[in-house]
Full PDB file with SEQRES, HELIX, SHEET, SSBOND, CRYST1, ORIGX, SCALE, CONECT and MASTER records, all heavy atoms in Angstrom:
SEQRES   1 A   39  GLU ALA THR ASP ARG THR VAL PRO THR ARG SER ARG ASP          
SEQRES   2 A   39  ARG ALA ARG TYR ASP ARG ASP THR VAL HIS ALA ILE LEU          
SEQRES   3 A   39  ASP GLU ALA TYR VAL CYS HIS LEU GLY PHE VAL ARG ASP          
HELIX    1 AA1 ARG A   12  ARG A   14  5                                   3    
HELIX    2 AA2 ARG A   19  ASP A   27  1                                   9    
CRYST1    1.000    1.000    1.000  90.00  90.00  90.00 P 1           1          
ORIGX1      1.000000  0.000000  0.000000        0.00000                         
ORIGX2      0.000000  1.000000  0.000000        0.00000                         
ORIGX3      0.000000  0.000000  1.000000        0.00000                         
SCALE1      1.000000  0.000000  0.000000        0.00000                         
SCALE2      0.000000  1.000000  0.000000        0.00000                         
SCALE3      0.000000  0.000000  1.000000        0.00000                         
ATOM      1  N   GLU A   1      16.367  -2.636  16.187  1.00  0.00           N  
ATOM      2  CA  GLU A   1      16.011  -4.019  16.514  1.00  0.00           C  
ATOM      3  C   GLU A   1      15.424  -4.721  15.294  1.00  0.00           C  
ATOM      4  O   GLU A   1      14.553  -4.177  14.616  1.00  0.00           O  
ATOM      5  CB  GLU A   1      14.997  -4.038  17.658  1.00  0.00           C  
ATOM      6  CG  GLU A   1      14.593  -5.433  18.105  1.00  0.00           C  
ATOM      7  CD  GLU A   1      13.592  -5.405  19.237  1.00  0.00           C  
ATOM      8  OE1 GLU A   1      13.285  -4.306  19.728  1.00  0.00           O  
ATOM      9  OE2 GLU A   1      13.124  -6.494  19.625  1.00  0.00           O  
ATOM     10  N   ALA A   2      15.906  -5.906  15.008  1.00  0.00           N  
ATOM     11  CA  ALA A   2      15.357  -6.700  13.906  1.00  0.00           C  
ATOM     12  C   ALA A   2      13.972  -7.209  14.278  1.00  0.00           C  
ATOM     13  O   ALA A   2      13.757  -7.661  15.405  1.00  0.00           O  
ATOM     14  CB  ALA A   2      16.281  -7.858  13.573  1.00  0.00           C  
ATOM     15  N   THR A   3      13.040  -7.131  13.349  1.00  0.00           N  
ATOM     16  CA  THR A   3      11.684  -7.624  13.568  1.00  0.00           C  
ATOM     17  C   THR A   3      11.307  -8.576  12.436  1.00  0.00           C  
ATOM     18  O   THR A   3      12.055  -8.732  11.458  1.00  0.00           O  
ATOM     19  CB  THR A   3      10.676  -6.459  13.601  1.00  0.00           C  
ATOM     20  OG1 THR A   3      10.547  -5.896  12.286  1.00  0.00           O  
ATOM     21  CG2 THR A   3      11.118  -5.368  14.577  1.00  0.00           C  
ATOM     22  N   ASP A   4      10.137  -9.179  12.549  1.00  0.00           N  
ATOM     23  CA  ASP A   4       9.680 -10.090  11.497  1.00  0.00           C  
ATOM     24  C   ASP A   4       9.608  -9.388  10.151  1.00  0.00           C  
ATOM     25  O   ASP A   4       9.831 -10.004   9.099  1.00  0.00           O  
ATOM     26  CB  ASP A   4       8.300 -10.659  11.856  1.00  0.00           C  
ATOM     27  CG  ASP A   4       8.365 -11.646  13.008  1.00  0.00           C  
ATOM     28  OD1 ASP A   4       9.462 -12.152  13.292  1.00  0.00           O  
ATOM     29  OD2 ASP A   4       7.312 -11.901  13.621  1.00  0.00           O  
ATOM     30  N   ARG A   5       9.294  -8.091  10.169  1.00  0.00           N  
ATOM     31  CA  ARG A   5       9.145  -7.355   8.909  1.00  0.00           C  
ATOM     32  C   ARG A   5      10.468  -6.833   8.364  1.00  0.00           C  
ATOM     33  O   ARG A   5      10.538  -6.455   7.189  1.00  0.00           O  
ATOM     34  CB  ARG A   5       8.168  -6.189   9.084  1.00  0.00           C  
ATOM     35  CG  ARG A   5       6.746  -6.627   9.375  1.00  0.00           C  
ATOM     36  CD  ARG A   5       5.753  -5.516   9.154  1.00  0.00           C  
ATOM     37  NE  ARG A   5       5.912  -4.374  10.059  1.00  0.00           N  
ATOM     38  CZ  ARG A   5       5.106  -3.320  10.093  1.00  0.00           C  
ATOM     39  NH1 ARG A   5       4.088  -3.249   9.242  1.00  0.00           N  
ATOM     40  NH2 ARG A   5       5.288  -2.340  10.966  1.00  0.00           N  
ATOM     41  N   THR A   6      11.495  -6.792   9.188  1.00  0.00           N  
ATOM     42  CA  THR A   6      12.761  -6.219   8.716  1.00  0.00           C  
ATOM     43  C   THR A   6      13.849  -7.254   8.477  1.00  0.00           C  
ATOM     44  O   THR A   6      14.947  -6.904   8.051  1.00  0.00           O  
ATOM     45  CB  THR A   6      13.285  -5.165   9.709  1.00  0.00           C  
ATOM     46  OG1 THR A   6      13.557  -5.780  10.976  1.00  0.00           O  
ATOM     47  CG2 THR A   6      12.280  -4.042   9.888  1.00  0.00           C  
ATOM     48  N   VAL A   7      13.563  -8.523   8.749  1.00  0.00           N  
ATOM     49  CA  VAL A   7      14.526  -9.583   8.455  1.00  0.00           C  
ATOM     50  C   VAL A   7      14.207 -10.149   7.077  1.00  0.00           C  
ATOM     51  O   VAL A   7      13.113 -10.673   6.853  1.00  0.00           O  
ATOM     52  CB  VAL A   7      14.461 -10.699   9.511  1.00  0.00           C  
ATOM     53  CG1 VAL A   7      15.392 -11.849   9.113  1.00  0.00           C  
ATOM     54  CG2 VAL A   7      14.840 -10.161  10.878  1.00  0.00           C  
ATOM     55  N   PRO A   8      15.127 -10.038   6.107  1.00  0.00           N  
ATOM     56  CA  PRO A   8      14.837 -10.527   4.755  1.00  0.00           C  
ATOM     57  C   PRO A   8      14.712 -12.040   4.716  1.00  0.00           C  
ATOM     58  O   PRO A   8      15.325 -12.757   5.511  1.00  0.00           O  
ATOM     59  CB  PRO A   8      16.045 -10.051   3.938  1.00  0.00           C  
ATOM     60  CG  PRO A   8      17.135  -9.864   4.928  1.00  0.00           C  
ATOM     61  CD  PRO A   8      16.474  -9.446   6.210  1.00  0.00           C  
ATOM     62  N   THR A   9      13.901 -12.517   3.805  1.00  0.00           N  
ATOM     63  CA  THR A   9      13.732 -13.963   3.659  1.00  0.00           C  
ATOM     64  C   THR A   9      14.878 -14.585   2.873  1.00  0.00           C  
ATOM     65  O   THR A   9      15.132 -15.780   2.984  1.00  0.00           O  
ATOM     66  CB  THR A   9      12.402 -14.275   2.944  1.00  0.00           C  
ATOM     67  OG1 THR A   9      12.360 -13.582   1.686  1.00  0.00           O  
ATOM     68  CG2 THR A   9      11.224 -13.823   3.791  1.00  0.00           C  
ATOM     69  N   ARG A  10      15.583 -13.780   2.063  1.00  0.00           N  
ATOM     70  CA  ARG A  10      16.728 -14.274   1.299  1.00  0.00           C  
ATOM     71  C   ARG A  10      17.942 -13.402   1.591  1.00  0.00           C  
ATOM     72  O   ARG A  10      17.823 -12.218   1.874  1.00  0.00           O  
ATOM     73  CB  ARG A  10      16.443 -14.240  -0.213  1.00  0.00           C  
ATOM     74  CG  ARG A  10      15.334 -15.180  -0.657  1.00  0.00           C  
ATOM     75  CD  ARG A  10      15.184 -15.178  -2.169  1.00  0.00           C  
ATOM     76  NE  ARG A  10      16.346 -15.737  -2.854  1.00  0.00           N  
ATOM     77  CZ  ARG A  10      17.225 -15.015  -3.537  1.00  0.00           C  
ATOM     78  NH1 ARG A  10      17.100 -13.709  -3.615  1.00  0.00           N  
ATOM     79  NH2 ARG A  10      18.237 -15.601  -4.151  1.00  0.00           N  
ATOM     80  N   SER A  11      19.126 -13.997   1.496  1.00  0.00           N  
ATOM     81  CA  SER A  11      20.401 -13.282   1.685  1.00  0.00           C  
ATOM     82  C   SER A  11      20.406 -12.474   2.976  1.00  0.00           C  
ATOM     83  O   SER A  11      20.689 -11.278   3.000  1.00  0.00           O  
ATOM     84  CB  SER A  11      20.678 -12.372   0.477  1.00  0.00           C  
ATOM     85  OG  SER A  11      20.703 -13.097  -0.721  1.00  0.00           O  
ATOM     86  N   ARG A  12      20.107 -13.151   4.057  1.00  0.00           N  
ATOM     87  CA  ARG A  12      20.057 -12.456   5.352  1.00  0.00           C  
ATOM     88  C   ARG A  12      21.405 -11.885   5.747  1.00  0.00           C  
ATOM     89  O   ARG A  12      21.471 -10.943   6.544  1.00  0.00           O  
ATOM     90  CB  ARG A  12      19.556 -13.415   6.434  1.00  0.00           C  
ATOM     91  CG  ARG A  12      18.102 -13.856   6.241  1.00  0.00           C  
ATOM     92  CD  ARG A  12      17.592 -14.606   7.451  1.00  0.00           C  
ATOM     93  NE  ARG A  12      16.187 -14.996   7.281  1.00  0.00           N  
ATOM     94  CZ  ARG A  12      15.422 -15.500   8.234  1.00  0.00           C  
ATOM     95  NH1 ARG A  12      15.940 -15.684   9.451  1.00  0.00           N  
ATOM     96  NH2 ARG A  12      14.168 -15.817   8.006  1.00  0.00           N  
ATOM     97  N   ASP A  13      22.487 -12.441   5.219  1.00  0.00           N  
ATOM     98  CA  ASP A  13      23.812 -11.936   5.551  1.00  0.00           C  
ATOM     99  C   ASP A  13      24.050 -10.535   5.004  1.00  0.00           C  
ATOM    100  O   ASP A  13      24.986  -9.849   5.419  1.00  0.00           O  
ATOM    101  CB  ASP A  13      24.885 -12.882   5.004  1.00  0.00           C  
ATOM    102  CG  ASP A  13      24.796 -13.056   3.493  1.00  0.00           C  
ATOM    103  OD1 ASP A  13      23.697 -13.422   3.015  1.00  0.00           O  
ATOM    104  OD2 ASP A  13      25.793 -12.823   2.798  1.00  0.00           O  
ATOM    105  N   ARG A  14      23.207 -10.093   4.083  1.00  0.00           N  
ATOM    106  CA  ARG A  14      23.357  -8.746   3.523  1.00  0.00           C  
ATOM    107  C   ARG A  14      22.611  -7.690   4.334  1.00  0.00           C  
ATOM    108  O   ARG A  14      22.732  -6.502   4.049  1.00  0.00           O  
ATOM    109  CB  ARG A  14      22.842  -8.721   2.079  1.00  0.00           C  
ATOM    110  CG  ARG A  14      23.628  -9.617   1.132  1.00  0.00           C  
ATOM    111  CD  ARG A  14      23.061  -9.551  -0.275  1.00  0.00           C  
ATOM    112  NE  ARG A  14      23.752 -10.472  -1.165  1.00  0.00           N  
ATOM    113  CZ  ARG A  14      23.403 -10.687  -2.431  1.00  0.00           C  
ATOM    114  NH1 ARG A  14      22.350 -10.035  -2.942  1.00  0.00           N  
ATOM    115  NH2 ARG A  14      24.087 -11.534  -3.176  1.00  0.00           N  
ATOM    116  N   ALA A  15      21.843  -8.095   5.319  1.00  0.00           N  
ATOM    117  CA  ALA A  15      21.063  -7.144   6.108  1.00  0.00           C  
ATOM    118  C   ALA A  15      21.956  -6.430   7.120  1.00  0.00           C  
ATOM    119  O   ALA A  15      22.899  -7.006   7.662  1.00  0.00           O  
ATOM    120  CB  ALA A  15      19.924  -7.857   6.825  1.00  0.00           C  
ATOM    121  N   ARG A  16      21.647  -5.168   7.361  1.00  0.00           N  
ATOM    122  CA  ARG A  16      22.352  -4.366   8.354  1.00  0.00           C  
ATOM    123  C   ARG A  16      21.317  -3.602   9.173  1.00  0.00           C  
ATOM    124  O   ARG A  16      20.304  -3.140   8.640  1.00  0.00           O  
ATOM    125  CB  ARG A  16      23.302  -3.359   7.682  1.00  0.00           C  
ATOM    126  CG  ARG A  16      24.355  -3.986   6.782  1.00  0.00           C  
ATOM    127  CD  ARG A  16      25.441  -4.686   7.585  1.00  0.00           C  
ATOM    128  NE  ARG A  16      26.510  -5.140   6.705  1.00  0.00           N  
ATOM    129  CZ  ARG A  16      26.499  -6.278   6.018  1.00  0.00           C  
ATOM    130  NH1 ARG A  16      25.436  -7.094   6.106  1.00  0.00           N  
ATOM    131  NH2 ARG A  16      27.505  -6.613   5.247  1.00  0.00           N  
ATOM    132  N   TYR A  17      21.608  -3.423  10.445  1.00  0.00           N  
ATOM    133  CA  TYR A  17      20.690  -2.717  11.333  1.00  0.00           C  
ATOM    134  C   TYR A  17      21.366  -1.573  12.094  1.00  0.00           C  
ATOM    135  O   TYR A  17      20.697  -0.876  12.856  1.00  0.00           O  
ATOM    136  CB  TYR A  17      20.065  -3.697  12.325  1.00  0.00           C  
ATOM    137  CG  TYR A  17      19.306  -4.811  11.635  1.00  0.00           C  
ATOM    138  CD1 TYR A  17      19.912  -6.030  11.362  1.00  0.00           C  
ATOM    139  CD2 TYR A  17      17.988  -4.622  11.222  1.00  0.00           C  
ATOM    140  CE1 TYR A  17      19.235  -7.049  10.704  1.00  0.00           C  
ATOM    141  CE2 TYR A  17      17.294  -5.638  10.560  1.00  0.00           C  
ATOM    142  CZ  TYR A  17      17.927  -6.841  10.307  1.00  0.00           C  
ATOM    143  OH  TYR A  17      17.246  -7.844   9.634  1.00  0.00           O  
ATOM    144  N   ASP A  18      22.663  -1.385  11.900  1.00  0.00           N  
ATOM    145  CA  ASP A  18      23.348  -0.321  12.627  1.00  0.00           C  
ATOM    146  C   ASP A  18      22.952   1.043  12.065  1.00  0.00           C  
ATOM    147  O   ASP A  18      22.744   1.209  10.860  1.00  0.00           O  
ATOM    148  CB  ASP A  18      24.864  -0.506  12.556  1.00  0.00           C  
ATOM    149  CG  ASP A  18      25.395  -0.426  11.128  1.00  0.00           C  
ATOM    150  OD1 ASP A  18      25.190  -1.416  10.378  1.00  0.00           O  
ATOM    151  OD2 ASP A  18      25.957   0.609  10.758  1.00  0.00           O  
ATOM    152  N   ARG A  19      22.852   2.010  12.959  1.00  0.00           N  
ATOM    153  CA  ARG A  19      22.394   3.337  12.573  1.00  0.00           C  
ATOM    154  C   ARG A  19      23.327   4.018  11.577  1.00  0.00           C  
ATOM    155  O   ARG A  19      22.866   4.727  10.679  1.00  0.00           O  
ATOM    156  CB  ARG A  19      22.218   4.216  13.817  1.00  0.00           C  
ATOM    157  CG  ARG A  19      20.890   3.993  14.522  1.00  0.00           C  
ATOM    158  CD  ARG A  19      20.806   4.829  15.804  1.00  0.00           C  
ATOM    159  NE  ARG A  19      19.442   4.841  16.305  1.00  0.00           N  
ATOM    160  CZ  ARG A  19      18.867   3.821  16.917  1.00  0.00           C  
ATOM    161  NH1 ARG A  19      19.539   2.695  17.094  1.00  0.00           N  
ATOM    162  NH2 ARG A  19      17.613   3.909  17.345  1.00  0.00           N  
ATOM    163  N   ASP A  20      24.642   3.838  11.736  1.00  0.00           N  
ATOM    164  CA  ASP A  20      25.572   4.507  10.830  1.00  0.00           C  
ATOM    165  C   ASP A  20      25.304   4.112   9.384  1.00  0.00           C  
ATOM    166  O   ASP A  20      25.285   4.956   8.477  1.00  0.00           O  
ATOM    167  CB  ASP A  20      27.017   4.169  11.200  1.00  0.00           C  
ATOM    168  CG  ASP A  20      27.469   4.868  12.477  1.00  0.00           C  
ATOM    169  OD1 ASP A  20      26.778   5.830  12.905  1.00  0.00           O  
ATOM    170  OD2 ASP A  20      28.500   4.460  13.048  1.00  0.00           O  
ATOM    171  N   THR A  21      25.107   2.819   9.141  1.00  0.00           N  
ATOM    172  CA  THR A  21      24.844   2.349   7.785  1.00  0.00           C  
ATOM    173  C   THR A  21      23.500   2.852   7.277  1.00  0.00           C  
ATOM    174  O   THR A  21      23.397   3.372   6.158  1.00  0.00           O  
ATOM    175  CB  THR A  21      24.874   0.818   7.737  1.00  0.00           C  
ATOM    176  OG1 THR A  21      26.176   0.355   8.090  1.00  0.00           O  
ATOM    177  CG2 THR A  21      24.524   0.303   6.345  1.00  0.00           C  
ATOM    178  N   VAL A  22      22.464   2.711   8.094  1.00  0.00           N  
ATOM    179  CA  VAL A  22      21.123   3.144   7.688  1.00  0.00           C  
ATOM    180  C   VAL A  22      21.105   4.636   7.394  1.00  0.00           C  
ATOM    181  O   VAL A  22      20.608   5.081   6.347  1.00  0.00           O  
ATOM    182  CB  VAL A  22      20.094   2.793   8.784  1.00  0.00           C  
ATOM    183  CG1 VAL A  22      18.757   3.472   8.504  1.00  0.00           C  
ATOM    184  CG2 VAL A  22      19.917   1.283   8.881  1.00  0.00           C  
ATOM    185  N   HIS A  23      21.654   5.439   8.294  1.00  0.00           N  
ATOM    186  CA  HIS A  23      21.622   6.890   8.117  1.00  0.00           C  
ATOM    187  C   HIS A  23      22.423   7.323   6.896  1.00  0.00           C  
ATOM    188  O   HIS A  23      22.020   8.242   6.169  1.00  0.00           O  
ATOM    189  CB  HIS A  23      22.153   7.587   9.363  1.00  0.00           C  
ATOM    190  CG  HIS A  23      21.239   7.459  10.550  1.00  0.00           C  
ATOM    191  ND1 HIS A  23      21.538   7.992  11.789  1.00  0.00           N  
ATOM    192  CD2 HIS A  23      20.037   6.854  10.698  1.00  0.00           C  
ATOM    193  CE1 HIS A  23      20.549   7.736  12.634  1.00  0.00           C  
ATOM    194  NE2 HIS A  23      19.633   7.034  11.988  1.00  0.00           N  
ATOM    195  N   ALA A  24      23.567   6.692   6.659  1.00  0.00           N  
ATOM    196  CA  ALA A  24      24.385   7.053   5.505  1.00  0.00           C  
ATOM    197  C   ALA A  24      23.640   6.802   4.198  1.00  0.00           C  
ATOM    198  O   ALA A  24      23.691   7.615   3.265  1.00  0.00           O  
ATOM    199  CB  ALA A  24      25.704   6.277   5.523  1.00  0.00           C  
ATOM    200  N   ILE A  25      22.933   5.673   4.112  1.00  0.00           N  
ATOM    201  CA  ILE A  25      22.166   5.368   2.899  1.00  0.00           C  
ATOM    202  C   ILE A  25      21.034   6.373   2.722  1.00  0.00           C  
ATOM    203  O   ILE A  25      20.803   6.890   1.616  1.00  0.00           O  
ATOM    204  CB  ILE A  25      21.620   3.933   2.966  1.00  0.00           C  
ATOM    205  CG1 ILE A  25      22.778   2.923   2.915  1.00  0.00           C  
ATOM    206  CG2 ILE A  25      20.632   3.659   1.820  1.00  0.00           C  
ATOM    207  CD1 ILE A  25      22.354   1.496   3.194  1.00  0.00           C  
ATOM    208  N   LEU A  26      20.329   6.681   3.786  1.00  0.00           N  
ATOM    209  CA  LEU A  26      19.232   7.644   3.701  1.00  0.00           C  
ATOM    210  C   LEU A  26      19.734   9.039   3.347  1.00  0.00           C  
ATOM    211  O   LEU A  26      19.142   9.735   2.511  1.00  0.00           O  
ATOM    212  CB  LEU A  26      18.474   7.694   5.030  1.00  0.00           C  
ATOM    213  CG  LEU A  26      17.692   6.433   5.424  1.00  0.00           C  
ATOM    214  CD1 LEU A  26      17.137   6.574   6.826  1.00  0.00           C  
ATOM    215  CD2 LEU A  26      16.564   6.155   4.427  1.00  0.00           C  
ATOM    216  N   ASP A  27      20.822   9.451   3.958  1.00  0.00           N  
ATOM    217  CA  ASP A  27      21.288  10.827   3.775  1.00  0.00           C  
ATOM    218  C   ASP A  27      21.891  11.073   2.400  1.00  0.00           C  
ATOM    219  O   ASP A  27      21.989  12.224   1.964  1.00  0.00           O  
ATOM    220  CB  ASP A  27      22.314  11.178   4.852  1.00  0.00           C  
ATOM    221  CG  ASP A  27      21.702  11.225   6.247  1.00  0.00           C  
ATOM    222  OD1 ASP A  27      20.463  11.203   6.349  1.00  0.00           O  
ATOM    223  OD2 ASP A  27      22.465  11.283   7.225  1.00  0.00           O  
ATOM    224  N   GLU A  28      22.299  10.026   1.721  1.00  0.00           N  
ATOM    225  CA  GLU A  28      22.841  10.188   0.374  1.00  0.00           C  
ATOM    226  C   GLU A  28      21.734  10.320  -0.669  1.00  0.00           C  
ATOM    227  O   GLU A  28      21.983  10.713  -1.810  1.00  0.00           O  
ATOM    228  CB  GLU A  28      23.749   9.004   0.037  1.00  0.00           C  
ATOM    229  CG  GLU A  28      24.574   9.199  -1.234  1.00  0.00           C  
ATOM    230  CD  GLU A  28      25.509   8.042  -1.506  1.00  0.00           C  
ATOM    231  OE1 GLU A  28      25.999   7.436  -0.522  1.00  0.00           O  
ATOM    232  OE2 GLU A  28      25.754   7.744  -2.694  1.00  0.00           O  
ATOM    233  N   ALA A  29      20.510  10.004  -0.281  1.00  0.00           N  
ATOM    234  CA  ALA A  29      19.380  10.031  -1.210  1.00  0.00           C  
ATOM    235  C   ALA A  29      18.493  11.233  -0.926  1.00  0.00           C  
ATOM    236  O   ALA A  29      18.554  11.847   0.138  1.00  0.00           O  
ATOM    237  CB  ALA A  29      18.561   8.752  -1.088  1.00  0.00           C  
ATOM    238  N   TYR A  30      17.647  11.561  -1.896  1.00  0.00           N  
ATOM    239  CA  TYR A  30      16.599  12.562  -1.667  1.00  0.00           C  
ATOM    240  C   TYR A  30      15.279  12.161  -2.322  1.00  0.00           C  
ATOM    241  O   TYR A  30      14.305  12.888  -2.226  1.00  0.00           O  
ATOM    242  CB  TYR A  30      17.021  13.958  -2.127  1.00  0.00           C  
ATOM    243  CG  TYR A  30      17.684  14.034  -3.488  1.00  0.00           C  
ATOM    244  CD1 TYR A  30      16.940  13.976  -4.655  1.00  0.00           C  
ATOM    245  CD2 TYR A  30      19.062  14.190  -3.586  1.00  0.00           C  
ATOM    246  CE1 TYR A  30      17.546  14.053  -5.893  1.00  0.00           C  
ATOM    247  CE2 TYR A  30      19.682  14.275  -4.822  1.00  0.00           C  
ATOM    248  CZ  TYR A  30      18.922  14.212  -5.976  1.00  0.00           C  
ATOM    249  OH  TYR A  30      19.535  14.282  -7.194  1.00  0.00           O  
ATOM    250  N   VAL A  31      15.245  10.996  -2.952  1.00  0.00           N  
ATOM    251  CA  VAL A  31      13.999  10.449  -3.491  1.00  0.00           C  
ATOM    252  C   VAL A  31      13.746   9.106  -2.819  1.00  0.00           C  
ATOM    253  O   VAL A  31      14.640   8.253  -2.760  1.00  0.00           O  
ATOM    254  CB  VAL A  31      14.059  10.269  -5.015  1.00  0.00           C  
ATOM    255  CG1 VAL A  31      12.794   9.561  -5.518  1.00  0.00           C  
ATOM    256  CG2 VAL A  31      14.207  11.608  -5.714  1.00  0.00           C  
ATOM    257  N   CYS A  32      12.549   8.926  -2.305  1.00  0.00           N  
ATOM    258  CA  CYS A  32      12.157   7.648  -1.728  1.00  0.00           C  
ATOM    259  C   CYS A  32      10.874   7.184  -2.413  1.00  0.00           C  
ATOM    260  O   CYS A  32      10.273   7.914  -3.207  1.00  0.00           O  
ATOM    261  CB  CYS A  32      11.928   7.773  -0.219  1.00  0.00           C  
ATOM    262  SG  CYS A  32      10.457   8.741   0.242  1.00  0.00           S  
ATOM    263  N   HIS A  33      10.464   5.970  -2.108  1.00  0.00           N  
ATOM    264  CA  HIS A  33       9.173   5.464  -2.575  1.00  0.00           C  
ATOM    265  C   HIS A  33       8.308   5.183  -1.351  1.00  0.00           C  
ATOM    266  O   HIS A  33       8.708   4.434  -0.462  1.00  0.00           O  
ATOM    267  CB  HIS A  33       9.350   4.213  -3.436  1.00  0.00           C  
ATOM    268  CG  HIS A  33       9.879   4.517  -4.803  1.00  0.00           C  
ATOM    269  ND1 HIS A  33      11.222   4.719  -5.053  1.00  0.00           N  
ATOM    270  CD2 HIS A  33       9.232   4.708  -5.988  1.00  0.00           C  
ATOM    271  CE1 HIS A  33      11.387   5.000  -6.336  1.00  0.00           C  
ATOM    272  NE2 HIS A  33      10.207   4.993  -6.921  1.00  0.00           N  
ATOM    273  N   LEU A  34       7.151   5.809  -1.338  1.00  0.00           N  
ATOM    274  CA  LEU A  34       6.227   5.736  -0.219  1.00  0.00           C  
ATOM    275  C   LEU A  34       5.094   4.789  -0.585  1.00  0.00           C  
ATOM    276  O   LEU A  34       4.324   5.046  -1.510  1.00  0.00           O  
ATOM    277  CB  LEU A  34       5.678   7.133   0.092  1.00  0.00           C  
ATOM    278  CG  LEU A  34       4.569   7.240   1.146  1.00  0.00           C  
ATOM    279  CD1 LEU A  34       5.102   6.855   2.511  1.00  0.00           C  
ATOM    280  CD2 LEU A  34       3.990   8.653   1.156  1.00  0.00           C  
ATOM    281  N   GLY A  35       4.986   3.686   0.138  1.00  0.00           N  
ATOM    282  CA  GLY A  35       3.953   2.698  -0.134  1.00  0.00           C  
ATOM    283  C   GLY A  35       2.886   2.695   0.943  1.00  0.00           C  
ATOM    284  O   GLY A  35       3.190   2.818   2.133  1.00  0.00           O  
ATOM    285  N   PHE A  36       1.634   2.570   0.520  1.00  0.00           N  
ATOM    286  CA  PHE A  36       0.514   2.511   1.457  1.00  0.00           C  
ATOM    287  C   PHE A  36      -0.656   1.832   0.745  1.00  0.00           C  
ATOM    288  O   PHE A  36      -0.584   1.534  -0.453  1.00  0.00           O  
ATOM    289  CB  PHE A  36       0.120   3.913   1.934  1.00  0.00           C  
ATOM    290  CG  PHE A  36      -0.235   4.871   0.820  1.00  0.00           C  
ATOM    291  CD1 PHE A  36      -1.553   5.096   0.463  1.00  0.00           C  
ATOM    292  CD2 PHE A  36       0.765   5.543   0.123  1.00  0.00           C  
ATOM    293  CE1 PHE A  36      -1.878   5.963  -0.572  1.00  0.00           C  
ATOM    294  CE2 PHE A  36       0.455   6.413  -0.915  1.00  0.00           C  
ATOM    295  CZ  PHE A  36      -0.874   6.624  -1.265  1.00  0.00           C  
ATOM    296  N   VAL A  37      -1.729   1.572   1.480  1.00  0.00           N  
ATOM    297  CA  VAL A  37      -2.919   0.946   0.905  1.00  0.00           C  
ATOM    298  C   VAL A  37      -4.019   1.991   0.810  1.00  0.00           C  
ATOM    299  O   VAL A  37      -4.337   2.671   1.789  1.00  0.00           O  
ATOM    300  CB  VAL A  37      -3.394  -0.244   1.760  1.00  0.00           C  
ATOM    301  CG1 VAL A  37      -4.701  -0.804   1.213  1.00  0.00           C  
ATOM    302  CG2 VAL A  37      -2.324  -1.329   1.781  1.00  0.00           C  
ATOM    303  N   ARG A  38      -4.604   2.115  -0.397  1.00  0.00           N  
ATOM    304  CA  ARG A  38      -5.705   3.059  -0.615  1.00  0.00           C  
ATOM    305  C   ARG A  38      -6.885   2.314  -1.224  1.00  0.00           C  
ATOM    306  O   ARG A  38      -6.754   1.666  -2.258  1.00  0.00           O  
ATOM    307  CB  ARG A  38      -5.265   4.189  -1.554  1.00  0.00           C  
ATOM    308  CG  ARG A  38      -6.348   5.257  -1.786  1.00  0.00           C  
ATOM    309  CD  ARG A  38      -5.816   6.366  -2.674  1.00  0.00           C  
ATOM    310  NE  ARG A  38      -5.640   5.897  -4.046  1.00  0.00           N  
ATOM    311  CZ  ARG A  38      -4.871   6.521  -4.944  1.00  0.00           C  
ATOM    312  NH1 ARG A  38      -4.190   7.590  -4.598  1.00  0.00           N  
ATOM    313  NH2 ARG A  38      -4.777   6.049  -6.166  1.00  0.00           N  
ATOM    314  N   ASP A  39      -8.011   2.365  -0.555  1.00  0.00           N  
ATOM    315  CA  ASP A  39      -9.220   1.680  -1.017  1.00  0.00           C  
ATOM    316  C   ASP A  39      -8.963   0.197  -1.270  1.00  0.00           C  
ATOM    317  O   ASP A  39      -9.445  -0.383  -2.248  1.00  0.00           O  
ATOM    318  CB  ASP A  39      -9.766   2.353  -2.287  1.00  0.00           C  
ATOM    319  CG  ASP A  39     -10.153   3.810  -2.059  1.00  0.00           C  
ATOM    320  OD1 ASP A  39     -10.557   4.134  -0.922  1.00  0.00           O  
ATOM    321  OD2 ASP A  39     -10.037   4.608  -3.004  1.00  0.00           O  
TER     322      ASP A  39                                                      
MASTER        0    0    0    2    0    0    0    6  321    1    0    3          
END                                                                             
């Protein structure tokens, strides 16, 4: 489901939400960037 945080502010036509696309991109990678707030 698209949410306020997952809908891009620019080039919205490039966004995809289907599982096949998302899973394929994730499964081809093995390095991610983990962002969080510390102090």
